Amino acid sequence: MRKRSVGINVRVTVTEKKKVTMLARKCGLSLSEYLRQRALGYEPSGHPPTEVFDVLDKLDEIAESCSVRDGAAINAQTDRLRDLLIGGN
């Protein structure tokens, strides 16, 4: 694991810090990691709200209670939604 021992200090306004902190939180990253990724040319993607995962879980439950054919169709559509919402592998 890399040991990060050198700091970079940047002055921002209160509003700028709030905005950058919010963007980092949306991506599920610490402020430092978010700034590091942006500075190195990466564009971190945001995490969807928890409710998105709740809906996907509910769709999986519905698919399990359906016939094999219908359940497979629901699972296929749920997988497509999951890929669109949170990124595919």
Protein backbone atom coordinates (compact mmCIF):
# COMPACT_ATOMS: atom_id res chain seq x y z
CA MET A 1 0.00 0.00 0.00
CA ARG A 2 1.25 3.47 -0.87
CA LYS A 3 2.12 5.78 1.96
CA ARG A 4 0.98 9.27 1.19
CA SER A 5 3.13 11.66 3.18
CA VAL A 6 3.15 14.90 1.20
CA GLY A 7 0.28 17.36 1.40
CA ILE A 8 -0.99 19.96 -1.07
CA ASN A 9 -2.86 22.91 0.40
CA VAL A 10 -5.44 24.70 -1.72
CA ARG A 11 -7.50 27.71 -0.66
CA VAL A 12 -11.17 27.74 -1.64
CA THR A 13 -14.27 29.67 -0.62
CA VAL A 14 -16.79 28.18 1.80
CA THR A 15 -19.20 27.68 -1.12
CA GLU A 16 -16.56 25.91 -3.22
CA LYS A 17 -15.69 23.59 -0.34
CA LYS A 18 -19.36 22.72 0.20
CA LYS A 19 -19.79 21.95 -3.50
CA VAL A 20 -16.65 19.80 -3.74
CA THR A 21 -17.54 17.99 -0.51
CA MET A 22 -21.03 17.27 -1.87
CA LEU A 23 -19.58 15.92 -5.13
CA ALA A 24 -17.17 13.69 -3.21
CA ARG A 25 -20.01 12.38 -1.03
CA LYS A 26 -22.12 11.59 -4.11
CA CYS A 27 -19.25 9.46 -5.39
CA GLY A 28 -18.80 7.71 -2.06
CA LEU A 29 -15.27 9.11 -1.71
CA SER A 30 -13.46 11.11 0.90
CA LEU A 31 -12.74 14.70 -0.02
CA SER A 32 -9.02 13.90 -0.37
CA GLU A 33 -9.62 10.87 -2.61
CA TYR A 34 -12.08 12.80 -4.77
CA LEU A 35 -9.64 15.68 -5.26
CA ARG A 36 -6.77 13.25 -5.90
CA GLN A 37 -8.75 11.42 -8.61
CA ARG A 38 -9.87 14.65 -10.27
CA ALA A 39 -6.35 16.08 -10.20
CA LEU A 40 -4.99 12.91 -11.83
CA GLY A 41 -7.54 13.08 -14.64
CA TYR A 42 -10.10 10.56 -13.41
CA GLU A 43 -13.82 11.29 -13.35
CA PRO A 44 -15.29 9.43 -10.40
CA SER A 45 -18.88 8.40 -10.95
CA GLY A 46 -21.64 9.06 -8.47
CA HIS A 47 -23.35 6.45 -6.37
CA PRO A 48 -27.10 6.24 -6.76
CA PRO A 49 -29.27 6.78 -3.69
CA THR A 50 -29.93 3.83 -1.38
CA GLU A 51 -33.51 3.70 -2.66
CA VAL A 52 -32.23 2.50 -6.04
CA PHE A 53 -30.75 -0.59 -4.40
CA ASP A 54 -33.98 -1.12 -2.45
CA VAL A 55 -36.01 -1.09 -5.68
CA LEU A 56 -33.62 -3.50 -7.39
CA ASP A 57 -33.82 -5.86 -4.39
CA LYS A 58 -37.62 -5.70 -4.51
CA LEU A 59 -37.60 -6.55 -8.23
CA ASP A 60 -35.40 -9.55 -7.47
CA GLU A 61 -37.91 -10.68 -4.84
CA ILE A 62 -40.78 -10.33 -7.32
CA ALA A 63 -38.86 -12.37 -9.90
CA GLU A 64 -38.32 -15.17 -7.36
CA SER A 65 -42.06 -15.40 -6.71
CA CYS A 66 -42.94 -15.69 -10.42
CA SER A 67 -42.92 -18.64 -12.76
CA VAL A 68 -39.53 -19.69 -14.07
CA ARG A 69 -40.13 -18.06 -17.46
CA ASP A 70 -41.56 -14.82 -16.07
CA GLY A 71 -38.93 -14.72 -13.33
CA ALA A 72 -36.16 -15.08 -15.89
CA ALA A 73 -37.63 -12.23 -17.94
CA ILE A 74 -37.89 -10.01 -14.87
CA ASN A 75 -34.34 -10.90 -13.84
CA ALA A 76 -33.06 -10.00 -17.31
CA GLN A 77 -34.77 -6.61 -17.17
CA THR A 78 -33.60 -6.02 -13.59
CA ASP A 79 -30.03 -6.78 -14.68
CA ARG A 80 -30.35 -4.25 -17.51
CA LEU A 81 -31.67 -1.65 -15.08
CA ARG A 82 -28.87 -2.40 -12.62
CA ASP A 83 -26.28 -1.95 -15.36
CA LEU A 84 -27.82 1.35 -16.43
CA LEU A 85 -28.13 2.70 -12.90
CA ILE A 86 -24.94 1.52 -11.23
CA GLY A 87 -22.74 0.40 -14.09
CA GLY A 88 -22.14 -3.02 -15.50
CA ASN A 89 -19.16 -5.27 -14.93
